[in-house]
Amino acid sequence: MNYRSISVVLVSIFLLLAIGFAQNYQPGKIVSIAKHEAATTPGHTDAPMKSDVHDYDVTISSGGTVYTALYHHPGDLEPAWSEGKEVQMYASGKTLKVKTTNGKSEKLKIVSSKPIS
């Protein structure tokens, strides 16, 4: 193996480690989940629109901070997400990533965050 190959391998390992450390998920506890009411159809009827996409306000407490985030999701809410349940989460800027039971990460939009008092 020559010097260039070793350099490429070392740089690759360093980048993978940096990415891994940059997204350190931490435990969080779901404080509350509130489903938004369906919007009404403008025009001729007062009946709610049928939609397969639902919005939820999800409040999670982690590391001394309470995050309230909007979860815009087609279909039903993640079955393992309910009040009082522990989840793995990662907050960055205005995005909250929360792992599902199958290990997939769901993105939620942070609408507010405040320190626990």
PDB file of N, CA and C in Angstrom:
ATOM      1  N   MET A   1       0.837  -1.173   0.000  1.00  0.00           N
ATOM      2  CA  MET A   1       0.000   0.000   0.000  1.00  0.00           C
ATOM      3  C   MET A   1       0.890   1.248   0.000  1.00  0.00           C
ATOM      4  N   ASN A   2       0.584   2.189  -0.839  1.00  0.00           N
ATOM      5  CA  ASN A   2       1.426   3.375  -0.901  1.00  0.00           C
ATOM      6  C   ASN A   2       0.892   4.475   0.017  1.00  0.00           C
ATOM      7  N   TYR A   3       1.637   5.545   0.077  1.00  0.00           N
ATOM      8  CA  TYR A   3       1.312   6.665   0.961  1.00  0.00           C
ATOM      9  C   TYR A   3      -0.044   7.281   0.636  1.00  0.00           C
ATOM     10  N   ARG A   4      -0.373   7.416  -0.633  1.00  0.00           N
ATOM     11  CA  ARG A   4      -1.643   8.031  -1.048  1.00  0.00           C
ATOM     12  C   ARG A   4      -2.841   7.184  -0.583  1.00  0.00           C
ATOM     13  N   SER A   5      -2.755   5.876  -0.711  1.00  0.00           N
ATOM     14  CA  SER A   5      -3.843   4.992  -0.283  1.00  0.00           C
ATOM     15  C   SER A   5      -4.062   5.074   1.229  1.00  0.00           C
ATOM     16  N   ILE A   6      -2.992   5.106   1.966  1.00  0.00           N
ATOM     17  CA  ILE A   6      -3.097   5.213   3.423  1.00  0.00           C
ATOM     18  C   ILE A   6      -3.732   6.544   3.804  1.00  0.00           C
ATOM     19  N   SER A   7      -3.355   7.606   3.117  1.00  0.00           N
ATOM     20  CA  SER A   7      -3.928   8.928   3.391  1.00  0.00           C
ATOM     21  C   SER A   7      -5.426   8.942   3.129  1.00  0.00           C
ATOM     22  N   VAL A   8      -5.853   8.336   2.027  1.00  0.00           N
ATOM     23  CA  VAL A   8      -7.273   8.296   1.686  1.00  0.00           C
ATOM     24  C   VAL A   8      -8.048   7.519   2.748  1.00  0.00           C
ATOM     25  N   VAL A   9      -7.511   6.406   3.188  1.00  0.00           N
ATOM     26  CA  VAL A   9      -8.169   5.591   4.213  1.00  0.00           C
ATOM     27  C   VAL A   9      -8.270   6.371   5.525  1.00  0.00           C
ATOM     28  N   LEU A  10      -7.201   7.035   5.932  1.00  0.00           N
ATOM     29  CA  LEU A  10      -7.211   7.789   7.185  1.00  0.00           C
ATOM     30  C   LEU A  10      -8.191   8.966   7.132  1.00  0.00           C
ATOM     31  N   VAL A  11      -8.211   9.673   6.012  1.00  0.00           N
ATOM     32  CA  VAL A  11      -9.151  10.783   5.873  1.00  0.00           C
ATOM     33  C   VAL A  11     -10.583  10.268   5.904  1.00  0.00           C
ATOM     34  N   SER A  12     -10.852   9.155   5.247  1.00  0.00           N
ATOM     35  CA  SER A  12     -12.190   8.571   5.248  1.00  0.00           C
ATOM     36  C   SER A  12     -12.623   8.184   6.653  1.00  0.00           C
ATOM     37  N   ILE A  13     -11.753   7.560   7.395  1.00  0.00           N
ATOM     38  CA  ILE A  13     -12.058   7.167   8.773  1.00  0.00           C
ATOM     39  C   ILE A  13     -12.330   8.404   9.622  1.00  0.00           C
ATOM     40  N   PHE A  14     -11.507   9.426   9.474  1.00  0.00           N
ATOM     41  CA  PHE A  14     -11.699  10.655  10.230  1.00  0.00           C
ATOM     42  C   PHE A  14     -13.058  11.289   9.933  1.00  0.00           C
ATOM     43  N   LEU A  15     -13.429  11.358   8.663  1.00  0.00           N
ATOM     44  CA  LEU A  15     -14.720  11.949   8.291  1.00  0.00           C
ATOM     45  C   LEU A  15     -15.887  11.140   8.843  1.00  0.00           C
ATOM     46  N   LEU A  16     -15.801   9.830   8.782  1.00  0.00           N
ATOM     47  CA  LEU A  16     -16.870   8.988   9.329  1.00  0.00           C
ATOM     48  C   LEU A  16     -17.008   9.184  10.839  1.00  0.00           C
ATOM     49  N   LEU A  17     -15.896   9.280  11.530  1.00  0.00           N
ATOM     50  CA  LEU A  17     -15.934   9.522  12.974  1.00  0.00           C
ATOM     51  C   LEU A  17     -16.510  10.897  13.286  1.00  0.00           C
ATOM     52  N   ALA A  18     -16.128  11.900  12.509  1.00  0.00           N
ATOM     53  CA  ALA A  18     -16.639  13.255  12.732  1.00  0.00           C
ATOM     54  C   ALA A  18     -18.147  13.305  12.528  1.00  0.00           C
ATOM     55  N   ILE A  19     -18.650  12.642  11.503  1.00  0.00           N
ATOM     56  CA  ILE A  19     -20.085  12.602  11.252  1.00  0.00           C
ATOM     57  C   ILE A  19     -20.793  11.875  12.391  1.00  0.00           C
ATOM     58  N   GLY A  20     -20.214  10.780  12.837  1.00  0.00           N
ATOM     59  CA  GLY A  20     -20.809  10.019  13.942  1.00  0.00           C
ATOM     60  C   GLY A  20     -20.890  10.823  15.225  1.00  0.00           C
ATOM     61  N   PHE A  21     -19.835  11.572  15.530  1.00  0.00           N
ATOM     62  CA  PHE A  21     -19.839  12.382  16.746  1.00  0.00           C
ATOM     63  C   PHE A  21     -20.706  13.618  16.602  1.00  0.00           C
ATOM     64  N   ALA A  22     -20.877  14.100  15.395  1.00  0.00           N
ATOM     65  CA  ALA A  22     -21.676  15.305  15.170  1.00  0.00           C
ATOM     66  C   ALA A  22     -23.158  15.056  15.449  1.00  0.00           C
ATOM     67  N   GLN A  23     -23.614  13.841  15.270  1.00  0.00           N
ATOM     68  CA  GLN A  23     -25.024  13.528  15.501  1.00  0.00           C
ATOM     69  C   GLN A  23     -25.159  12.560  16.670  1.00  0.00           C
ATOM     70  N   ASN A  24     -24.856  13.052  17.841  1.00  0.00           N
ATOM     71  CA  ASN A  24     -24.997  12.226  19.033  1.00  0.00           C
ATOM     72  C   ASN A  24     -26.433  12.286  19.524  1.00  0.00           C
ATOM     73  N   TYR A  25     -27.131  11.200  19.334  1.00  0.00           N
ATOM     74  CA  TYR A  25     -28.494  11.125  19.839  1.00  0.00           C
ATOM     75  C   TYR A  25     -28.440  10.999  21.350  1.00  0.00           C
ATOM     76  N   GLN A  26     -29.404  11.587  21.999  1.00  0.00           N
ATOM     77  CA  GLN A  26     -29.477  11.530  23.452  1.00  0.00           C
ATOM     78  C   GLN A  26     -30.887  11.123  23.856  1.00  0.00           C
ATOM     79  N   PRO A  27     -31.028  10.606  25.062  1.00  0.00           N
ATOM     80  CA  PRO A  27     -32.371  10.201  25.487  1.00  0.00           C
ATOM     81  C   PRO A  27     -33.261  11.409  25.733  1.00  0.00           C
ATOM     82  N   GLY A  28     -34.503  11.245  25.393  1.00  0.00           N
ATOM     83  CA  GLY A  28     -35.515  12.263  25.644  1.00  0.00           C
ATOM     84  C   GLY A  28     -36.794  11.582  26.083  1.00  0.00           C
ATOM     85  N   LYS A  29     -37.656  12.344  26.710  1.00  0.00           N
ATOM     86  CA  LYS A  29     -38.930  11.797  27.183  1.00  0.00           C
ATOM     87  C   LYS A  29     -40.059  12.603  26.557  1.00  0.00           C
ATOM     88  N   ILE A  30     -41.009  11.902  25.942  1.00  0.00           N
ATOM     89  CA  ILE A  30     -42.149  12.573  25.329  1.00  0.00           C
ATOM     90  C   ILE A  30     -43.056  13.100  26.440  1.00  0.00           C
ATOM     91  N   VAL A  31     -43.241  14.415  26.455  1.00  0.00           N
ATOM     92  CA  VAL A  31     -44.069  15.067  27.468  1.00  0.00           C
ATOM     93  C   VAL A  31     -45.525  15.079  27.019  1.00  0.00           C
ATOM     94  N   SER A  32     -45.751  15.429  25.742  1.00  0.00           N
ATOM     95  CA  SER A  32     -47.122  15.455  25.235  1.00  0.00           C
ATOM     96  C   SER A  32     -47.130  15.339  23.721  1.00  0.00           C
ATOM     97  N   ILE A  33     -48.266  14.879  23.206  1.00  0.00           N
ATOM     98  CA  ILE A  33     -48.507  14.806  21.768  1.00  0.00           C
ATOM     99  C   ILE A  33     -49.926  15.309  21.534  1.00  0.00           C
ATOM    100  N   ALA A  34     -50.055  16.298  20.661  1.00  0.00           N
ATOM    101  CA  ALA A  34     -51.372  16.847  20.338  1.00  0.00           C
ATOM    102  C   ALA A  34     -51.554  16.842  18.832  1.00  0.00           C
ATOM    103  N   LYS A  35     -52.612  16.172  18.380  1.00  0.00           N
ATOM    104  CA  LYS A  35     -52.913  16.114  16.953  1.00  0.00           C
ATOM    105  C   LYS A  35     -53.670  17.374  16.562  1.00  0.00           C
ATOM    106  N   HIS A  36     -53.281  17.975  15.446  1.00  0.00           N
ATOM    107  CA  HIS A  36     -53.989  19.156  14.947  1.00  0.00           C
ATOM    108  C   HIS A  36     -55.333  18.724  14.378  1.00  0.00           C
ATOM    109  N   GLU A  37     -56.313  19.572  14.519  1.00  0.00           N
ATOM    110  CA  GLU A  37     -57.625  19.311  13.946  1.00  0.00           C
ATOM    111  C   GLU A  37     -57.538  19.446  12.429  1.00  0.00           C
ATOM    112  N   ALA A  38     -58.344  18.669  11.722  1.00  0.00           N
ATOM    113  CA  ALA A  38     -58.368  18.732  10.259  1.00  0.00           C
ATOM    114  C   ALA A  38     -58.885  20.090   9.821  1.00  0.00           C
ATOM    115  N   ALA A  39     -58.284  20.625   8.764  1.00  0.00           N
ATOM    116  CA  ALA A  39     -58.721  21.907   8.223  1.00  0.00           C
ATOM    117  C   ALA A  39     -60.046  21.729   7.491  1.00  0.00           C
ATOM    118  N   THR A  40     -60.844  22.780   7.460  1.00  0.00           N
ATOM    119  CA  THR A  40     -62.109  22.698   6.738  1.00  0.00           C
ATOM    120  C   THR A  40     -61.908  23.085   5.283  1.00  0.00           C
ATOM    121  N   THR A  41     -62.758  22.564   4.440  1.00  0.00           N
ATOM    122  CA  THR A  41     -62.689  22.829   3.012  1.00  0.00           C
ATOM    123  C   THR A  41     -63.285  24.203   2.722  1.00  0.00           C
ATOM    124  N   PRO A  42     -62.545  25.079   2.034  1.00  0.00           N
ATOM    125  CA  PRO A  42     -63.125  26.379   1.713  1.00  0.00           C
ATOM    126  C   PRO A  42     -64.218  26.226   0.652  1.00  0.00           C
ATOM    127  N   GLY A  43     -65.275  26.968   0.809  1.00  0.00           N
ATOM    128  CA  GLY A  43     -66.292  26.929  -0.233  1.00  0.00           C
ATOM    129  C   GLY A  43     -67.624  26.424   0.246  1.00  0.00           C
ATOM    130  N   HIS A  44     -68.082  25.351  -0.365  1.00  0.00           N
ATOM    131  CA  HIS A  44     -69.470  24.928  -0.262  1.00  0.00           C
ATOM    132  C   HIS A  44     -69.836  24.092   0.946  1.00  0.00           C
ATOM    133  N   THR A  45     -68.899  23.650   1.731  1.00  0.00           N
ATOM    134  CA  THR A  45     -69.250  22.740   2.812  1.00  0.00           C
ATOM    135  C   THR A  45     -68.429  23.029   4.061  1.00  0.00           C
ATOM    136  N   ASP A  46     -68.937  22.598   5.178  1.00  0.00           N
ATOM    137  CA  ASP A  46     -68.214  22.725   6.435  1.00  0.00           C
ATOM    138  C   ASP A  46     -67.531  21.415   6.816  1.00  0.00           C
ATOM    139  N   ALA A  47     -67.659  20.416   5.974  1.00  0.00           N
ATOM    140  CA  ALA A  47     -67.059  19.110   6.259  1.00  0.00           C
ATOM    141  C   ALA A  47     -65.539  19.219   6.190  1.00  0.00           C
ATOM    142  N   PRO A  48     -64.812  18.544   7.109  1.00  0.00           N
ATOM    143  CA  PRO A  48     -63.349  18.588   7.053  1.00  0.00           C
ATOM    144  C   PRO A  48     -62.825  17.902   5.798  1.00  0.00           C
ATOM    145  N   MET A  49     -61.674  18.407   5.325  1.00  0.00           N
ATOM    146  CA  MET A  49     -61.030  17.789   4.167  1.00  0.00           C
ATOM    147  C   MET A  49     -60.489  16.421   4.559  1.00  0.00           C
ATOM    148  N   LYS A  50     -60.568  15.493   3.653  1.00  0.00           N
ATOM    149  CA  LYS A  50     -59.948  14.192   3.878  1.00  0.00           C
ATOM    150  C   LYS A  50     -58.480  14.323   3.521  1.00  0.00           C
ATOM    151  N   SER A  51     -57.620  13.908   4.406  1.00  0.00           N
ATOM    152  CA  SER A  51     -56.195  13.992   4.160  1.00  0.00           C
ATOM    153  C   SER A  51     -55.508  12.801   4.799  1.00  0.00           C
ATOM    154  N   ASP A  52     -54.504  12.298   4.122  1.00  0.00           N
ATOM    155  CA  ASP A  52     -53.704  11.209   4.679  1.00  0.00           C
ATOM    156  C   ASP A  52     -52.498  11.746   5.442  1.00  0.00           C
ATOM    157  N   VAL A  53     -52.317  13.062   5.434  1.00  0.00           N
ATOM    158  CA  VAL A  53     -51.203  13.689   6.133  1.00  0.00           C
ATOM    159  C   VAL A  53     -51.740  14.378   7.379  1.00  0.00           C
ATOM    160  N   HIS A  54     -51.080  14.121   8.499  1.00  0.00           N
ATOM    161  CA  HIS A  54     -51.524  14.677   9.773  1.00  0.00           C
ATOM    162  C   HIS A  54     -50.394  15.494  10.395  1.00  0.00           C
ATOM    163  N   ASP A  55     -50.767  16.504  11.157  1.00  0.00           N
ATOM    164  CA  ASP A  55     -49.805  17.319  11.897  1.00  0.00           C
ATOM    165  C   ASP A  55     -49.979  17.078  13.388  1.00  0.00           C
ATOM    166  N   TYR A  56     -48.847  16.973  14.072  1.00  0.00           N
ATOM    167  CA  TYR A  56     -48.846  16.748  15.513  1.00  0.00           C
ATOM    168  C   TYR A  56     -47.888  17.740  16.154  1.00  0.00           C
ATOM    169  N   ASP A  57     -48.236  18.249  17.317  1.00  0.00           N
ATOM    170  CA  ASP A  57     -47.295  18.975  18.163  1.00  0.00           C
ATOM    171  C   ASP A  57     -46.729  17.950  19.134  1.00  0.00           C
ATOM    172  N   VAL A  58     -45.432  17.733  19.046  1.00  0.00           N
ATOM    173  CA  VAL A  58     -44.764  16.752  19.911  1.00  0.00           C
ATOM    174  C   VAL A  58     -43.832  17.524  20.836  1.00  0.00           C
ATOM    175  N   THR A  59     -44.002  17.344  22.144  1.00  0.00           N
ATOM    176  CA  THR A  59     -43.155  18.009  23.129  1.00  0.00           C
ATOM    177  C   THR A  59     -42.265  16.959  23.781  1.00  0.00           C
ATOM    178  N   ILE A  60     -40.946  17.205  23.710  1.00  0.00           N
ATOM    179  CA  ILE A  60     -39.964  16.256  24.245  1.00  0.00           C
ATOM    180  C   ILE A  60     -39.020  16.998  25.177  1.00  0.00           C
ATOM    181  N   SER A  61     -38.749  16.398  26.330  1.00  0.00           N
ATOM    182  CA  SER A  61     -37.819  16.941  27.316  1.00  0.00           C
ATOM    183  C   SER A  61     -36.514  16.160  27.243  1.00  0.00           C
ATOM    184  N   SER A  62     -35.399  16.902  27.122  1.00  0.00           N
ATOM    185  CA  SER A  62     -34.098  16.239  27.052  1.00  0.00           C
ATOM    186  C   SER A  62     -32.994  17.213  27.442  1.00  0.00           C
ATOM    187  N   GLY A  63     -32.087  16.750  28.267  1.00  0.00           N
ATOM    188  CA  GLY A  63     -30.898  17.528  28.608  1.00  0.00           C
ATOM    189  C   GLY A  63     -31.182  18.907  29.161  1.00  0.00           C
ATOM    190  N   GLY A  64     -32.217  19.066  29.964  1.00  0.00           N
ATOM    191  CA  GLY A  64     -32.525  20.342  30.570  1.00  0.00           C
ATOM    192  C   GLY A  64     -33.311  21.295  29.681  1.00  0.00           C
ATOM    193  N   THR A  65     -33.757  20.819  28.520  1.00  0.00           N
ATOM    194  CA  THR A  65     -34.524  21.647  27.596  1.00  0.00           C
ATOM    195  C   THR A  65     -35.801  20.924  27.194  1.00  0.00           C
ATOM    196  N   VAL A  66     -36.874  21.706  27.023  1.00  0.00           N
ATOM    197  CA  VAL A  66     -38.137  21.173  26.522  1.00  0.00           C
ATOM    198  C   VAL A  66     -38.323  21.691  25.100  1.00  0.00           C
ATOM    199  N   TYR A  67     -38.447  20.767  24.153  1.00  0.00           N
ATOM    200  CA  TYR A  67     -38.624  21.103  22.744  1.00  0.00           C
ATOM    201  C   TYR A  67     -40.068  20.826  22.336  1.00  0.00           C
ATOM    202  N   THR A  68     -40.687  21.779  21.654  1.00  0.00           N
ATOM    203  CA  THR A  68     -41.981  21.551  21.031  1.00  0.00           C
ATOM    204  C   THR A  68     -41.733  21.589  19.532  1.00  0.00           C
ATOM    205  N   ALA A  69     -42.134  20.514  18.854  1.00  0.00           N
ATOM    206  CA  ALA A  69     -41.845  20.391  17.430  1.00  0.00           C
ATOM    207  C   ALA A  69     -43.090  19.983  16.661  1.00  0.00           C
ATOM    208  N   LEU A  70     -43.133  20.378  15.405  1.00  0.00           N
ATOM    209  CA  LEU A  70     -44.223  20.025  14.510  1.00  0.00           C
ATOM    210  C   LEU A  70     -43.816  18.784  13.725  1.00  0.00           C
ATOM    211  N   TYR A  71     -44.659  17.777  13.780  1.00  0.00           N
ATOM    212  CA  TYR A  71     -44.428  16.523  13.053  1.00  0.00           C
ATOM    213  C   TYR A  71     -45.477  16.422  11.972  1.00  0.00           C
ATOM    214  N   HIS A  72     -45.066  16.586  10.730  1.00  0.00           N
ATOM    215  CA  HIS A  72     -45.943  16.531   9.555  1.00  0.00           C
ATOM    216  C   HIS A  72     -45.717  15.161   8.926  1.00  0.00           C
ATOM    217  N   HIS A  73     -46.721  14.279   9.042  1.00  0.00           N
ATOM    218  CA  HIS A  73     -46.478  12.889   8.692  1.00  0.00           C
ATOM    219  C   HIS A  73     -47.671  12.258   7.984  1.00  0.00           C
ATOM    220  N   PRO A  74     -47.407  11.551   6.889  1.00  0.00           N
ATOM    221  CA  PRO A  74     -48.498  10.807   6.246  1.00  0.00           C
ATOM    222  C   PRO A  74     -48.845   9.576   7.073  1.00  0.00           C
ATOM    223  N   GLY A  75     -50.109   9.306   7.229  1.00  0.00           N
ATOM    224  CA  GLY A  75     -50.536   8.124   7.980  1.00  0.00           C
ATOM    225  C   GLY A  75     -50.579   8.387   9.466  1.00  0.00           C
ATOM    226  N   ASP A  76     -50.525   7.316  10.225  1.00  0.00           N
ATOM    227  CA  ASP A  76     -50.643   7.403  11.676  1.00  0.00           C
ATOM    228  C   ASP A  76     -49.314   7.758  12.326  1.00  0.00           C
ATOM    229  N   LEU A  77     -49.408   8.193  13.572  1.00  0.00           N
ATOM    230  CA  LEU A  77     -48.240   8.513  14.371  1.00  0.00           C
ATOM    231  C   LEU A  77     -47.451   7.239  14.660  1.00  0.00           C
ATOM    232  N   GLU A  78     -46.142   7.377  14.824  1.00  0.00           N
ATOM    233  CA  GLU A  78     -45.282   6.257  15.204  1.00  0.00           C
ATOM    234  C   GLU A  78     -45.888   5.572  16.427  1.00  0.00           C
ATOM    235  N   PRO A  79     -46.185   4.263  16.337  1.00  0.00           N
ATOM    236  CA  PRO A  79     -46.883   3.560  17.429  1.00  0.00           C
ATOM    237  C   PRO A  79     -46.183   3.622  18.788  1.00  0.00           C
ATOM    238  N   ALA A  80     -44.860   3.664  18.796  1.00  0.00           N
ATOM    239  CA  ALA A  80     -44.132   3.672  20.065  1.00  0.00           C
ATOM    240  C   ALA A  80     -44.071   5.063  20.694  1.00  0.00           C
ATOM    241  N   TRP A  81     -44.500   6.083  19.962  1.00  0.00           N
ATOM    242  CA  TRP A  81     -44.491   7.433  20.506  1.00  0.00           C
ATOM    243  C   TRP A  81     -45.771   7.693  21.273  1.00  0.00           C
ATOM    244  N   SER A  82     -45.660   7.854  22.560  1.00  0.00           N
ATOM    245  CA  SER A  82     -46.797   8.231  23.398  1.00  0.00           C
ATOM    246  C   SER A  82     -46.245   8.951  24.623  1.00  0.00           C
ATOM    247  N   GLU A  83     -47.108   9.659  25.315  1.00  0.00           N
ATOM    248  CA  GLU A  83     -46.686  10.434  26.469  1.00  0.00           C
ATOM    249  C   GLU A  83     -46.000   9.548  27.502  1.00  0.00           C
ATOM    250  N   GLY A  84     -44.862  10.032  27.992  1.00  0.00           N
ATOM    251  CA  GLY A  84     -44.104   9.311  29.001  1.00  0.00           C
ATOM    252  C   GLY A  84     -43.069   8.340  28.446  1.00  0.00           C
ATOM    253  N   LYS A  85     -43.073   8.105  27.142  1.00  0.00           N
ATOM    254  CA  LYS A  85     -42.134   7.158  26.532  1.00  0.00           C
ATOM    255  C   LYS A  85     -40.774   7.800  26.314  1.00  0.00           C
ATOM    256  N   GLU A  86     -39.731   6.989  26.430  1.00  0.00           N
ATOM    257  CA  GLU A  86     -38.365   7.422  26.160  1.00  0.00           C
ATOM    258  C   GLU A  86     -38.070   7.251  24.666  1.00  0.00           C
ATOM    259  N   VAL A  87     -37.395   8.238  24.073  1.00  0.00           N
ATOM    260  CA  VAL A  87     -36.990   8.181  22.672  1.00  0.00           C
ATOM    261  C   VAL A  87     -35.550   8.664  22.559  1.00  0.00           C
ATOM    262  N   GLN A  88     -34.910   8.329  21.467  1.00  0.00           N
ATOM    263  CA  GLN A  88     -33.588   8.852  21.150  1.00  0.00           C
ATOM    264  C   GLN A  88     -33.788  10.050  20.232  1.00  0.00           C
ATOM    265  N   MET A  89     -33.215  11.204  20.608  1.00  0.00           N
ATOM    266  CA  MET A  89     -33.430  12.413  19.821  1.00  0.00           C
ATOM    267  C   MET A  89     -32.142  13.202  19.680  1.00  0.00           C
ATOM    268  N   TYR A  90     -32.160  14.086  18.665  1.00  0.00           N
ATOM    269  CA  TYR A  90     -31.008  14.926  18.373  1.00  0.00           C
ATOM    270  C   TYR A  90     -31.517  16.264  17.878  1.00  0.00           C
ATOM    271  N   ALA A  91     -31.163  17.350  18.554  1.00  0.00           N
ATOM    272  CA  ALA A  91     -31.605  18.688  18.165  1.00  0.00           C
ATOM    273  C   ALA A  91     -30.460  19.430  17.504  1.00  0.00           C
ATOM    274  N   SER A  92     -30.779  20.063  16.354  1.00  0.00           N
ATOM    275  CA  SER A  92     -29.792  20.855  15.636  1.00  0.00           C
ATOM    276  C   SER A  92     -30.509  21.992  14.930  1.00  0.00           C
ATOM    277  N   GLY A  93     -30.234  23.224  15.336  1.00  0.00           N
ATOM    278  CA  GLY A  93     -30.894  24.373  14.729  1.00  0.00           C
ATOM    279  C   GLY A  93     -32.388  24.318  14.956  1.00  0.00           C
ATOM    280  N   LYS A  94     -33.164  24.310  13.879  1.00  0.00           N
ATOM    281  CA  LYS A  94     -34.627  24.244  13.964  1.00  0.00           C
ATOM    282  C   LYS A  94     -35.151  22.842  13.643  1.00  0.00           C
ATOM    283  N   THR A  95     -34.270  21.841  13.699  1.00  0.00           N
ATOM    284  CA  THR A  95     -34.660  20.471  13.388  1.00  0.00           C
ATOM    285  C   THR A  95     -34.444  19.565  14.588  1.00  0.00           C
ATOM    286  N   LEU A  96     -35.438  18.723  14.843  1.00  0.00           N
ATOM    287  CA  LEU A  96     -35.347  17.713  15.883  1.00  0.00           C
ATOM    288  C   LEU A  96     -35.470  16.361  15.187  1.00  0.00           C
ATOM    289  N   LYS A  97     -34.458  15.530  15.326  1.00  0.00           N
ATOM    290  CA  LYS A  97     -34.503  14.187  14.756  1.00  0.00           C
ATOM    291  C   LYS A  97     -34.811  13.213  15.875  1.00  0.00           C
ATOM    292  N   VAL A  98     -35.821  12.376  15.628  1.00  0.00           N
ATOM    293  CA  VAL A  98     -36.244  11.404  16.632  1.00  0.00           C
ATOM    294  C   VAL A  98     -36.247  10.030  15.975  1.00  0.00           C
ATOM    295  N   LYS A  99     -35.607   9.064  16.636  1.00  0.00           N
ATOM    296  CA  LYS A  99     -35.548   7.707  16.089  1.00  0.00           C
ATOM    297  C   LYS A  99     -36.848   6.962  16.341  1.00  0.00           C
ATOM    298  N   THR A 100     -37.248   6.187  15.344  1.00  0.00           N
ATOM    299  CA  THR A 100     -38.419   5.324  15.475  1.00  0.00           C
ATOM    300  C   THR A 100     -37.966   3.970  16.005  1.00  0.00           C
ATOM    301  N   THR A 101     -38.908   3.071  16.245  1.00  0.00           N
ATOM    302  CA  THR A 101     -38.567   1.752  16.773  1.00  0.00           C
ATOM    303  C   THR A 101     -37.700   0.944  15.815  1.00  0.00           C
ATOM    304  N   ASN A 102     -37.818   1.203  14.505  1.00  0.00           N
ATOM    305  CA  ASN A 102     -36.996   0.456  13.544  1.00  0.00           C
ATOM    306  C   ASN A 102     -35.643   1.115  13.300  1.00  0.00           C
ATOM    307  N   GLY A 103     -35.322   2.184  14.056  1.00  0.00           N
ATOM    308  CA  GLY A 103     -34.023   2.836  13.950  1.00  0.00           C
ATOM    309  C   GLY A 103     -33.967   3.961  12.932  1.00  0.00           C
ATOM    310  N   LYS A 104     -35.041   4.143  12.172  1.00  0.00           N
ATOM    311  CA  LYS A 104     -35.093   5.230  11.200  1.00  0.00           C
ATOM    312  C   LYS A 104     -35.252   6.555  11.949  1.00  0.00           C
ATOM    313  N   SER A 105     -34.702   7.606  11.390  1.00  0.00           N
ATOM    314  CA  SER A 105     -34.791   8.918  12.010  1.00  0.00           C
ATOM    315  C   SER A 105     -35.860   9.756  11.330  1.00  0.00           C
ATOM    316  N   GLU A 106     -36.785  10.322  12.122  1.00  0.00           N
ATOM    317  CA  GLU A 106     -37.831  11.201  11.610  1.00  0.00           C
ATOM    318  C   GLU A 106     -37.455  12.647  11.923  1.00  0.00           C
ATOM    319  N   LYS A 107     -37.659  13.544  10.957  1.00  0.00           N
ATOM    320  CA  LYS A 107     -37.367  14.961  11.159  1.00  0.00           C
ATOM    321  C   LYS A 107     -38.622  15.704  11.585  1.00  0.00           C
ATOM    322  N   LEU A 108     -38.490  16.496  12.643  1.00  0.00           N
ATOM    323  CA  LEU A 108     -39.561  17.343  13.130  1.00  0.00           C
ATOM    324  C   LEU A 108     -39.046  18.779  13.131  1.00  0.00           C
ATOM    325  N   LYS A 109     -39.920  19.733  12.883  1.00  0.00           N
ATOM    326  CA  LYS A 109     -39.544  21.144  12.878  1.00  0.00           C
ATOM    327  C   LYS A 109     -39.758  21.713  14.278  1.00  0.00           C
ATOM    328  N   ILE A 110     -38.690  22.196  14.892  1.00  0.00           N
ATOM    329  CA  ILE A 110     -38.782  22.795  16.230  1.00  0.00           C
ATOM    330  C   ILE A 110     -39.486  24.142  16.122  1.00  0.00           C
ATOM    331  N   VAL A 111     -40.584  24.289  16.867  1.00  0.00           N
ATOM    332  CA  VAL A 111     -41.315  25.560  16.886  1.00  0.00           C
ATOM    333  C   VAL A 111     -40.985  26.368  18.142  1.00  0.00           C
ATOM    334  N   SER A 112     -40.527  25.690  19.202  1.00  0.00           N
ATOM    335  CA  SER A 112     -40.067  26.398  20.396  1.00  0.00           C
ATOM    336  C   SER A 112     -39.194  25.479  21.234  1.00  0.00           C
ATOM    337  N   SER A 113     -38.317  26.103  21.988  1.00  0.00           N
ATOM    338  CA  SER A 113     -37.498  25.363  22.963  1.00  0.00           C
ATOM    339  C   SER A 113     -37.254  26.298  24.138  1.00  0.00           C
ATOM    340  N   LYS A 114     -37.256  25.715  25.334  1.00  0.00           N
ATOM    341  CA  LYS A 114     -37.020  26.516  26.516  1.00  0.00           C
ATOM    342  C   LYS A 114     -36.374  25.640  27.589  1.00  0.00           C
ATOM    343  N   PRO A 115     -35.562  26.266  28.428  1.00  0.00           N
ATOM    344  CA  PRO A 115     -34.958  25.500  29.517  1.00  0.00           C
ATOM    345  C   PRO A 115     -36.002  25.049  30.515  1.00  0.00           C
ATOM    346  N   ILE A 116     -35.755  23.887  31.092  1.00  0.00           N
ATOM    347  CA  ILE A 116     -36.658  23.392  32.136  1.00  0.00           C
ATOM    348  C   ILE A 116     -36.416  24.239  33.385  1.00  0.00           C
ATOM    349  N   SER A 117     -37.492  24.757  33.946  1.00  0.00           N
ATOM    350  CA  SER A 117     -37.329  25.597  35.143  1.00  0.00           C
ATOM    351  C   SER A 117     -37.877  24.922  36.361  1.00  0.00           C
TER     352      SER A 117
END
